[in-house]
Protein backbone atom coordinates (compact mmCIF):
# COMPACT_ATOMS: atom_id res chain seq x y z
CA MET A 1 57.69 94.05 -35.67
CA ALA A 2 59.70 90.94 -34.80
CA LYS A 3 59.63 87.96 -37.12
CA SER A 4 57.57 85.23 -35.49
CA GLU A 5 55.61 82.08 -36.19
CA LYS A 6 52.00 82.35 -37.32
CA LYS A 7 50.91 80.71 -34.09
CA ALA A 8 52.56 81.93 -30.93
CA THR A 9 54.39 79.24 -29.01
CA GLY A 10 55.96 79.24 -25.58
CA LYS A 11 54.93 80.88 -22.36
CA ARG A 12 53.62 84.42 -22.01
CA TYR A 13 55.33 85.88 -18.96
CA LYS A 14 53.96 88.38 -16.47
CA ILE A 15 56.60 91.08 -16.62
CA CYS A 16 57.07 94.14 -14.43
CA VAL A 17 59.33 96.85 -15.85
CA VAL A 18 60.48 99.36 -13.23
CA GLY A 19 61.06 102.78 -14.75
CA ALA A 20 59.17 104.58 -17.53
CA GLY A 21 62.17 106.38 -18.99
CA HIS A 22 63.77 105.93 -22.41
CA VAL A 23 64.74 102.32 -21.71
CA GLY A 24 61.83 101.18 -19.55
CA LEU A 25 59.00 102.58 -21.65
CA VAL A 26 60.37 101.22 -24.92
CA ALA A 27 61.10 97.81 -23.36
CA SER A 28 57.60 97.66 -21.84
CA ALA A 29 55.86 98.40 -25.14
CA CYS A 30 58.06 95.96 -27.05
CA PHE A 31 57.67 93.11 -24.53
CA ALA A 32 53.91 93.62 -24.77
CA GLU A 33 54.12 93.50 -28.56
CA LEU A 34 55.88 90.14 -28.21
CA GLY A 35 52.80 88.86 -26.37
CA HIS A 36 53.84 89.09 -22.73
CA LYS A 37 51.64 90.67 -20.04
CA VAL A 38 53.51 93.79 -18.99
CA VAL A 39 53.05 96.40 -16.30
CA CYS A 40 55.41 99.37 -16.35
CA VAL A 41 55.73 101.06 -12.96
CA ASP A 42 57.20 104.43 -12.09
CA ASN A 43 57.08 106.45 -8.87
CA ASN A 44 56.34 109.61 -10.88
CA LYS A 45 52.54 109.57 -10.77
CA GLN A 46 52.22 112.53 -13.14
CA LYS A 47 54.28 110.72 -15.76
CA ILE A 48 52.15 107.57 -15.42
CA ASN A 49 48.94 109.60 -15.69
CA ARG A 50 50.20 111.32 -18.84
CA ILE A 51 51.15 108.00 -20.44
CA ASN A 52 47.75 106.52 -19.59
CA LYS A 53 46.21 109.51 -21.39
CA GLY A 54 48.37 108.83 -24.44
CA ARG A 55 51.00 111.53 -23.89
CA MET A 56 54.53 110.16 -24.05
CA PRO A 57 57.19 111.72 -21.78
CA PHE A 58 59.75 111.98 -24.60
CA TYR A 59 59.99 111.86 -28.37
CA GLU A 60 60.86 108.48 -29.87
CA PRO A 61 59.63 107.55 -33.36
CA GLY A 62 56.93 104.87 -33.18
CA ILE A 63 56.52 104.71 -29.39
CA ASP A 64 53.15 106.50 -29.38
CA GLU A 65 51.65 103.99 -31.82
CA LEU A 66 53.11 100.93 -30.06
CA VAL A 67 51.85 102.02 -26.64
CA LYS A 68 48.42 102.89 -28.03
CA LYS A 69 48.18 99.49 -29.73
CA ASN A 70 48.94 97.48 -26.58
CA ILE A 71 47.71 99.60 -23.65
CA GLY A 72 44.83 98.02 -21.77
CA LYS A 73 45.58 94.67 -23.42
CA ASN A 74 49.10 93.35 -22.87
CA LEU A 75 50.38 96.64 -21.47
CA ASN A 76 49.46 98.64 -18.39
CA PHE A 77 51.09 101.51 -16.48
CA SER A 78 50.99 101.95 -12.73
CA SER A 79 52.59 103.78 -9.82
CA SER A 80 51.77 100.86 -7.49
CA PHE A 81 55.10 99.08 -7.21
CA ALA A 82 54.24 96.64 -4.42
CA GLY A 83 51.21 95.15 -6.15
CA SER A 84 53.00 94.91 -9.49
CA ILE A 85 55.87 92.99 -7.90
CA ALA A 86 53.54 90.52 -6.24
CA ARG A 87 51.74 89.73 -9.51
CA SER A 88 54.83 89.46 -11.72
CA GLU A 89 57.14 86.59 -12.58
CA VAL A 90 59.99 88.63 -14.07
CA ILE A 91 61.08 92.10 -12.94
CA PHE A 92 63.22 94.25 -15.23
CA ILE A 93 64.99 97.13 -13.48
CA ALA A 94 65.26 100.09 -15.87
CA VAL A 95 65.70 103.08 -13.57
CA GLY A 96 68.19 105.89 -14.06
CA THR A 97 71.82 105.65 -12.99
CA PRO A 98 72.98 109.27 -13.40
CA PRO A 99 76.66 110.19 -13.03
CA LYS A 100 78.03 111.65 -9.82
CA SER A 101 80.72 114.33 -9.73
CA ASP A 102 83.52 111.75 -9.47
CA GLY A 103 82.31 109.88 -12.58
CA SER A 104 80.76 106.97 -10.69
CA ALA A 105 77.13 106.00 -11.22
CA ASP A 106 74.48 106.94 -8.70
CA LEU A 107 72.96 103.57 -7.87
CA SER A 108 70.57 104.75 -5.16
CA SER A 109 67.51 104.09 -7.35
CA ILE A 110 68.75 100.56 -8.05
CA GLU A 111 69.13 99.94 -4.32
CA ASN A 112 65.67 101.36 -3.61
CA VAL A 113 64.11 99.07 -6.20
CA ALA A 114 65.95 96.04 -4.82
CA ALA A 115 64.84 96.86 -1.26
CA THR A 116 61.23 97.30 -2.40
CA ILE A 117 61.36 93.95 -4.19
CA ALA A 118 62.69 92.35 -1.01
CA ARG A 119 59.78 93.67 1.08
CA ASN A 120 57.14 92.49 -1.40
CA ILE A 121 58.52 89.30 -2.90
CA ASN A 122 55.99 86.49 -2.44
CA SER A 123 57.10 83.74 -4.84
CA TYR A 124 59.98 82.93 -7.18
CA LYS A 125 61.02 85.98 -9.20
CA LEU A 126 63.68 86.60 -11.80
CA ILE A 127 65.12 90.08 -11.22
CA VAL A 128 66.86 91.41 -14.32
CA GLY A 129 69.11 94.47 -14.44
CA LYS A 130 68.50 96.42 -17.65
CA SER A 131 69.91 99.77 -16.53
CA THR A 132 73.53 100.49 -17.39
CA VAL A 133 75.40 99.69 -14.19
CA PRO A 134 79.00 99.10 -13.09
CA VAL A 135 80.27 95.54 -12.98
CA GLN A 136 79.31 93.65 -9.78
CA THR A 137 76.02 95.54 -9.40
CA GLY A 138 74.06 92.30 -9.83
CA GLN A 139 75.85 90.94 -6.79
CA LYS A 140 74.82 94.04 -4.79
CA ILE A 141 71.19 93.66 -5.90
CA LYS A 142 71.19 90.08 -4.68
CA GLU A 143 72.75 91.06 -1.33
CA THR A 144 70.19 93.87 -0.86
CA ILE A 145 67.22 91.60 -1.51
CA LYS A 146 68.54 88.99 0.92
CA ARG A 147 69.16 91.68 3.52
CA TYR A 148 65.64 93.12 3.46
CA GLU A 149 63.42 90.20 2.41
CA LYS A 150 60.58 89.41 4.80
CA LYS A 151 59.94 85.95 3.42
CA LYS A 152 62.56 83.40 2.48
CA VAL A 153 61.66 83.07 -1.18
CA THR A 154 63.82 81.69 -3.98
CA PHE A 155 64.83 84.23 -6.60
CA ASP A 156 67.43 84.76 -9.31
CA VAL A 157 69.27 87.86 -10.43
CA ALA A 158 70.32 88.35 -14.05
CA SER A 159 71.71 91.04 -16.35
CA ASN A 160 70.25 91.98 -19.73
CA PRO A 161 71.93 95.22 -20.87
CA GLU A 162 70.12 97.29 -23.49
CA PHE A 163 71.72 98.49 -26.72
CA LEU A 164 68.92 100.73 -27.98
CA ARG A 165 69.79 103.82 -30.01
CA GLU A 166 67.55 106.78 -29.31
CA GLY A 167 65.63 107.56 -32.48
CA LYS A 168 65.78 103.90 -33.55
CA ALA A 169 65.00 102.21 -30.24
CA ILE A 170 61.99 100.17 -31.36
CA TYR A 171 63.78 98.83 -34.43
CA ASP A 172 66.82 97.98 -32.31
CA PHE A 173 64.68 96.06 -29.83
CA PHE A 174 63.13 93.83 -32.50
CA TYR A 175 66.20 93.55 -34.76
CA PRO A 176 69.23 93.72 -32.45
CA ASP A 177 72.80 92.84 -33.40
CA ARG A 178 72.83 90.59 -30.34
CA ILE A 179 70.99 89.88 -27.11
CA VAL A 180 73.21 89.60 -24.03
CA ILE A 181 72.02 87.79 -20.93
CA GLY A 182 74.13 87.33 -17.81
CA ILE A 183 72.74 84.56 -15.62
CA GLU A 184 73.60 82.47 -12.57
CA SER A 185 71.16 79.57 -13.06
CA LYS A 186 69.68 77.44 -15.83
CA ARG A 187 66.22 78.50 -14.67
CA ALA A 188 67.02 82.16 -15.31
CA GLU A 189 68.56 81.31 -18.69
CA LYS A 190 65.45 79.37 -19.75
CA ILE A 191 63.11 82.23 -18.79
CA LEU A 192 65.07 84.90 -20.63
CA LYS A 193 65.39 82.72 -23.73
CA GLU A 194 61.62 82.22 -23.72
CA ILE A 195 60.94 85.94 -23.27
CA TYR A 196 63.03 86.73 -26.37
CA ARG A 197 62.07 83.61 -28.32
CA LYS A 198 60.43 85.52 -31.21
CA ILE A 199 63.44 87.72 -31.88
CA LYS A 200 65.91 86.32 -34.37
CA ALA A 201 69.32 87.49 -33.15
CA PRO A 202 72.52 85.95 -31.75
CA LEU A 203 72.04 85.21 -28.05
CA ILE A 204 75.16 85.61 -25.92
CA VAL A 205 74.94 83.89 -22.54
CA THR A 206 77.49 84.89 -19.89
CA ASP A 207 77.87 85.30 -16.17
CA ILE A 208 76.38 88.49 -14.69
CA ASN A 209 79.68 90.38 -14.25
CA THR A 210 80.61 89.82 -17.89
CA ALA A 211 77.21 90.97 -19.15
CA GLU A 212 77.45 94.17 -17.10
CA LEU A 213 80.95 94.84 -18.43
CA ILE A 214 79.89 94.31 -22.07
CA LYS A 215 77.69 97.42 -22.04
CA HIS A 216 80.39 99.78 -20.74
CA ALA A 217 83.02 98.22 -23.03
CA SER A 218 80.77 98.57 -26.09
CA ASN A 219 79.81 102.20 -25.53
CA SER A 220 83.34 103.21 -24.56
CA PHE A 221 84.74 101.63 -27.73
CA LEU A 222 82.24 103.50 -29.91
CA ALA A 223 83.10 106.74 -28.12
CA THR A 224 86.76 105.97 -28.81
CA LYS A 225 86.07 105.64 -32.54
CA ILE A 226 84.36 109.03 -32.54
CA SER A 227 87.18 110.74 -30.66
CA PHE A 228 89.75 109.06 -32.89
CA ILE A 229 88.22 110.40 -36.10
CA ASN A 230 87.81 113.82 -34.48
CA ALA A 231 91.51 113.83 -33.62
CA VAL A 232 92.24 112.87 -37.24
CA ALA A 233 89.99 115.76 -38.31
CA ARG A 234 92.17 118.18 -36.36
CA ILE A 235 95.21 116.87 -38.25
CA CYS A 236 93.31 117.22 -41.55
CA ASP A 237 92.58 120.87 -40.74
CA LEU A 238 96.28 121.49 -40.08
CA ALA A 239 97.44 119.58 -43.14
CA GLY A 240 94.81 120.73 -45.63
CA ALA A 241 93.33 117.24 -46.05
CA ASP A 242 89.69 116.04 -46.12
CA VAL A 243 88.57 113.89 -43.20
CA LYS A 244 85.47 112.73 -45.08
CA LYS A 245 87.67 111.02 -47.66
CA VAL A 246 89.92 109.66 -44.91
CA SER A 247 86.98 108.15 -43.01
CA LEU A 248 85.46 106.81 -46.24
CA ALA A 249 88.65 104.92 -47.06
CA MET A 250 89.10 103.73 -43.48
CA GLY A 251 85.50 102.50 -43.31
CA LYS A 252 85.95 100.32 -46.39
CA ASP A 253 88.34 98.21 -44.33
CA LYS A 254 86.12 95.44 -42.89
CA ARG A 255 88.30 95.33 -39.79
CA ILE A 256 87.40 98.95 -39.05
CA GLY A 257 83.92 99.52 -40.48
CA LYS A 258 82.30 102.83 -41.43
CA GLU A 259 80.05 103.29 -38.40
CA PHE A 260 80.98 106.03 -35.90
CA LEU A 261 83.67 107.45 -38.19
CA ASP A 262 81.91 110.74 -38.92
CA ALA A 263 83.90 113.70 -37.64
CA GLY A 264 81.92 116.41 -35.89
CA VAL A 265 81.51 118.45 -32.72
CA GLY A 266 81.72 115.35 -30.53
CA TYR A 267 79.49 112.72 -28.97
CA GLY A 268 76.76 113.43 -26.44
CA GLY A 269 73.59 111.93 -25.02
CA PHE A 270 73.05 110.11 -21.77
CA CYS A 271 75.04 106.97 -22.67
CA PHE A 272 78.47 107.73 -24.12
CA PRO A 273 79.62 110.55 -21.79
CA LYS A 274 78.25 108.78 -18.70
CA ASP A 275 79.55 105.34 -19.65
CA VAL A 276 83.05 106.56 -20.52
CA GLU A 277 83.26 108.35 -17.16
CA ALA A 278 81.88 105.32 -15.34
CA PHE A 279 84.28 102.90 -17.06
CA ILE A 280 87.22 105.10 -16.08
CA TYR A 281 85.98 105.12 -12.49
CA ILE A 282 85.25 101.37 -12.42
CA SER A 283 88.68 100.55 -13.83
CA GLN A 284 90.41 102.83 -11.33
CA LYS A 285 88.49 101.23 -8.47
CA LEU A 286 89.55 97.77 -9.67
CA GLY A 287 93.18 98.88 -9.83
CA TYR A 288 93.64 99.74 -13.52
CA SER A 289 94.19 103.27 -14.87
CA PHE A 290 92.29 103.45 -18.18
CA ASP A 291 94.31 106.35 -19.62
CA LEU A 292 93.06 105.71 -23.16
CA LEU A 293 89.51 106.61 -22.11
CA ARG A 294 90.74 109.73 -20.33
CA GLN A 295 92.11 110.93 -23.66
CA VAL A 296 88.85 109.97 -25.41
CA LYS A 297 86.97 112.24 -23.00
CA LYS A 298 89.54 115.02 -23.33
CA ILE A 299 89.37 115.01 -27.13
CA ASN A 300 85.58 115.13 -26.99
CA ASP A 301 85.60 118.10 -24.62
CA ILE A 302 88.13 120.01 -26.73
CA GLN A 303 86.18 119.41 -29.93
CA LYS A 304 83.29 121.64 -28.87
CA ALA A 305 85.53 124.49 -27.76
CA THR A 306 87.52 124.25 -31.00
CA PHE A 307 84.34 124.56 -33.04
CA VAL A 308 83.45 127.85 -31.36
CA GLU A 309 87.03 129.13 -31.68
CA ARG A 310 86.96 128.55 -35.43
CA VAL A 311 83.77 130.60 -35.72
CA LYS A 312 85.47 133.28 -33.66
CA GLU A 313 88.44 133.32 -36.05
CA TYR A 314 86.08 134.28 -38.89
CA LEU A 315 83.86 136.76 -37.02
CA TRP A 316 86.64 138.16 -34.78
CA ILE A 317 84.37 139.67 -32.10
CA LEU A 318 81.41 137.47 -31.10
CA LYS A 319 79.80 140.04 -28.82
CA ARG A 320 76.42 141.11 -30.27
CA LYS A 321 76.93 138.89 -33.32
CA ARG A 322 73.72 136.97 -34.12
CA ILE A 323 74.29 133.26 -34.59
CA ALA A 324 71.75 130.56 -35.50
CA ILE A 325 72.25 127.21 -33.78
CA LEU A 326 70.55 124.53 -35.89
CA GLY A 327 70.10 121.39 -33.82
CA LEU A 328 69.93 121.14 -30.04
CA SER A 329 69.31 117.45 -29.30
CA PHE A 330 72.42 115.27 -29.01
CA LYS A 331 71.41 113.42 -32.20
CA PRO A 332 68.55 113.53 -34.72
CA ASP A 333 65.19 111.79 -34.15
CA THR A 334 65.14 112.44 -30.42
CA ASP A 335 64.36 115.36 -28.13
CA ASP A 336 67.02 114.28 -25.63
CA MET A 337 69.25 117.16 -24.52
CA ARG A 338 71.20 115.25 -21.88
CA PHE A 339 74.93 115.96 -22.35
CA ALA A 340 74.19 117.28 -25.85
CA PRO A 341 77.22 118.99 -27.50
CA SER A 342 74.93 121.96 -28.19
CA ILE A 343 74.85 122.82 -24.47
CA ASP A 344 78.59 123.51 -24.21
CA ILE A 345 78.63 125.23 -27.60
CA ILE A 346 75.76 127.53 -26.61
CA ASN A 347 77.43 128.31 -23.29
CA PHE A 348 80.69 129.21 -25.06
CA PHE A 349 78.85 131.61 -27.37
CA LEU A 350 76.84 133.15 -24.53
CA LYS A 351 80.01 133.74 -22.54
CA GLU A 352 81.36 135.70 -25.52
CA GLY A 353 78.20 137.83 -25.62
CA ALA A 354 76.74 136.40 -28.84
CA MET A 355 73.01 136.67 -29.63
CA LEU A 356 71.63 133.20 -30.35
CA ASN A 357 68.70 131.95 -32.42
CA LEU A 358 68.09 128.33 -31.32
CA CYS A 359 66.20 125.92 -33.55
CA ASP A 360 65.40 122.19 -33.32
CA PRO A 361 62.50 120.10 -34.73
CA GLN A 362 61.83 118.42 -31.37
CA SER A 363 64.03 119.78 -28.56
CA ASN A 364 63.01 123.40 -28.10
CA LEU A 365 60.90 122.62 -25.01
CA GLU A 366 63.74 120.63 -23.42
CA ALA A 367 66.23 123.37 -24.30
CA LYS A 368 64.07 126.02 -22.64
CA LYS A 369 64.59 124.21 -19.33
CA ILE A 370 68.32 124.94 -19.70
CA PHE A 371 68.41 128.25 -21.61
CA LYS A 372 65.62 130.67 -20.82
CA THR A 373 64.31 132.94 -23.56
CA GLY A 374 65.80 136.41 -23.11
CA ARG A 375 67.93 139.13 -24.63
CA GLN A 376 70.60 136.68 -25.81
CA VAL A 377 68.43 133.64 -26.55
CA LYS A 378 65.47 133.25 -28.90
CA TYR A 379 63.78 130.06 -30.07
CA PHE A 380 62.50 129.17 -33.53
CA ARG A 381 60.70 126.17 -35.03
CA ASN A 382 61.30 127.41 -38.59
CA PRO A 383 65.01 127.21 -39.54
CA TYR A 384 64.61 129.87 -42.25
CA ARG A 385 63.31 132.33 -39.65
CA ALA A 386 66.14 131.34 -37.31
CA CYS A 387 68.75 132.25 -39.93
CA GLU A 388 67.34 135.68 -40.82
CA GLY A 389 69.78 138.51 -40.09
CA CYS A 390 72.46 136.15 -38.74
CA ASP A 391 76.22 136.52 -39.03
CA CYS A 392 76.70 132.75 -38.93
CA ILE A 393 74.69 129.55 -38.89
CA CYS A 394 76.07 126.63 -36.88
CA LEU A 395 74.85 123.16 -37.78
CA VAL A 396 75.15 121.13 -34.57
CA THR A 397 72.67 118.24 -35.03
CA GLU A 398 72.28 116.52 -38.39
CA TRP A 399 68.47 116.52 -38.69
CA LYS A 400 67.26 115.66 -42.19
CA GLU A 401 65.17 118.84 -42.12
CA PHE A 402 68.40 120.86 -42.06
CA LYS A 403 70.16 118.87 -44.77
CA ASP A 404 67.33 119.66 -47.18
CA LEU A 405 67.43 123.43 -46.54
CA ASP A 406 67.49 125.82 -49.49
CA LEU A 407 70.88 127.46 -48.93
CA LYS A 408 70.31 130.04 -51.64
CA LYS A 409 67.19 131.26 -49.80
CA ILE A 410 69.05 131.29 -46.48
CA LYS A 411 71.97 133.29 -47.90
CA ARG A 412 69.64 136.05 -49.06
CA SER A 413 68.30 136.52 -45.53
CA MET A 414 71.63 136.47 -43.66
CA LYS A 415 73.66 139.47 -42.58
CA TYR A 416 76.91 137.62 -43.33
CA PRO A 417 77.03 134.29 -45.23
CA LEU A 418 79.05 132.03 -42.92
CA ILE A 419 78.25 128.35 -42.34
CA ALA A 420 79.91 126.45 -39.51
CA ASP A 421 79.03 122.85 -40.34
CA GLY A 422 79.63 120.91 -37.14
CA ARG A 423 78.50 117.63 -38.72
CA ASN A 424 79.98 117.96 -42.23
CA MET A 425 76.44 117.58 -43.53
CA PHE A 426 76.32 120.26 -46.21
CA ASP A 427 78.01 120.05 -49.60
CA LYS A 428 81.08 122.23 -49.06
CA ASP A 429 81.69 122.99 -52.74
CA LYS A 430 78.03 123.88 -53.32
CA ALA A 431 77.98 126.19 -50.29
CA ILE A 432 81.13 128.01 -51.43
CA LYS A 433 79.78 128.28 -54.98
CA LEU A 434 76.64 129.94 -53.59
CA GLY A 435 78.84 132.55 -51.90
CA PHE A 436 79.10 131.18 -48.38
CA GLU A 437 82.24 131.04 -46.33
CA TYR A 438 82.38 127.51 -45.00
CA ILE A 439 83.81 126.02 -41.81
CA GLY A 440 83.79 122.22 -41.68
CA VAL A 441 85.34 119.71 -39.32
CA GLY A 442 88.55 118.38 -40.83
CA ARG A 443 87.84 119.60 -44.38
């Protein structure tokens, strides 16, 4: 919970959050916890009905409890967009902006929301973009509202990009490294400052274009750090060095920092891959060729294929070999499979004819939408069962449940004791001492 005064001060705003996805649902629950009156709207009626019955549409630690605590009090969910707009003072747009084939963001949902606001606006509103969008989207939102508005009503547009990590989203909302607001009026600045008044964090006030650019620049830089250390890991493999020691020493340098310097099978999720692609596209459209980011993407793509090739070097023929894939979500503490490295890795193995045992603490249901159970694919909740009779176990997502596994027990049940540690999570020396052959990343 955010640090706050014993007695709440300042105005409680009537907030409408559009979109009940990973960003919108978390933001809605957290704004309500701060004391504002929040309605979260989504055009998916089934999703809204499930949430109202206490069933969350995705796994995020703590979200169930926070929604349950505030629902019916400061927090409500609805599929009635028009009425929610009319009753609100501030509208946060948190709808999806999925990538198109050329790398650009699909902004059709943003436009639809803006047009709906225009048709139902009845008094001053502050419209805030929270979705990750290309620079100059705020300007397009403003133009769309002016184009379709039925009444000439004063409004402001602002940008408030989110920096929430899946798996730690609620903590990140209440204890952020910074809050960024892009505004075009003092009135909008005052409202956003009051909304976040209880949160103790640096507040960065910019124009809207700058705020929109900050999100893409931040995520692209973090993706660059990951690809850089993965490229170093390739060199370590060739030179017989240990990337874990390299990254440890690098991270001690305060100018570099230790975060995002863990070598592995590459980054995934809905943010990094999409935002890198989008930033490349945005830059190209503005007249700059961002070749550095093209290499970041290339390194990330190669990393997954290289991981499978190294397994193949040990097992020679992958056809009919049984392989356990431990970890399907793109990171631990989430069930999100969007752009997860596991998807490409699984596809590589399937193409080679391998028999796969897939196991994840939270993502099996999501994975089944992509890989149907069949002759080549089986699902397991118990990692020990998943490893039985396998020629290799591949650690793809660093869930704590996997780090604490009894390797001695697993070795006894395997057909061939090979570990491919795609996150450098296991103790290499211990694994080898137990009789495993060990494949790490850069070690």
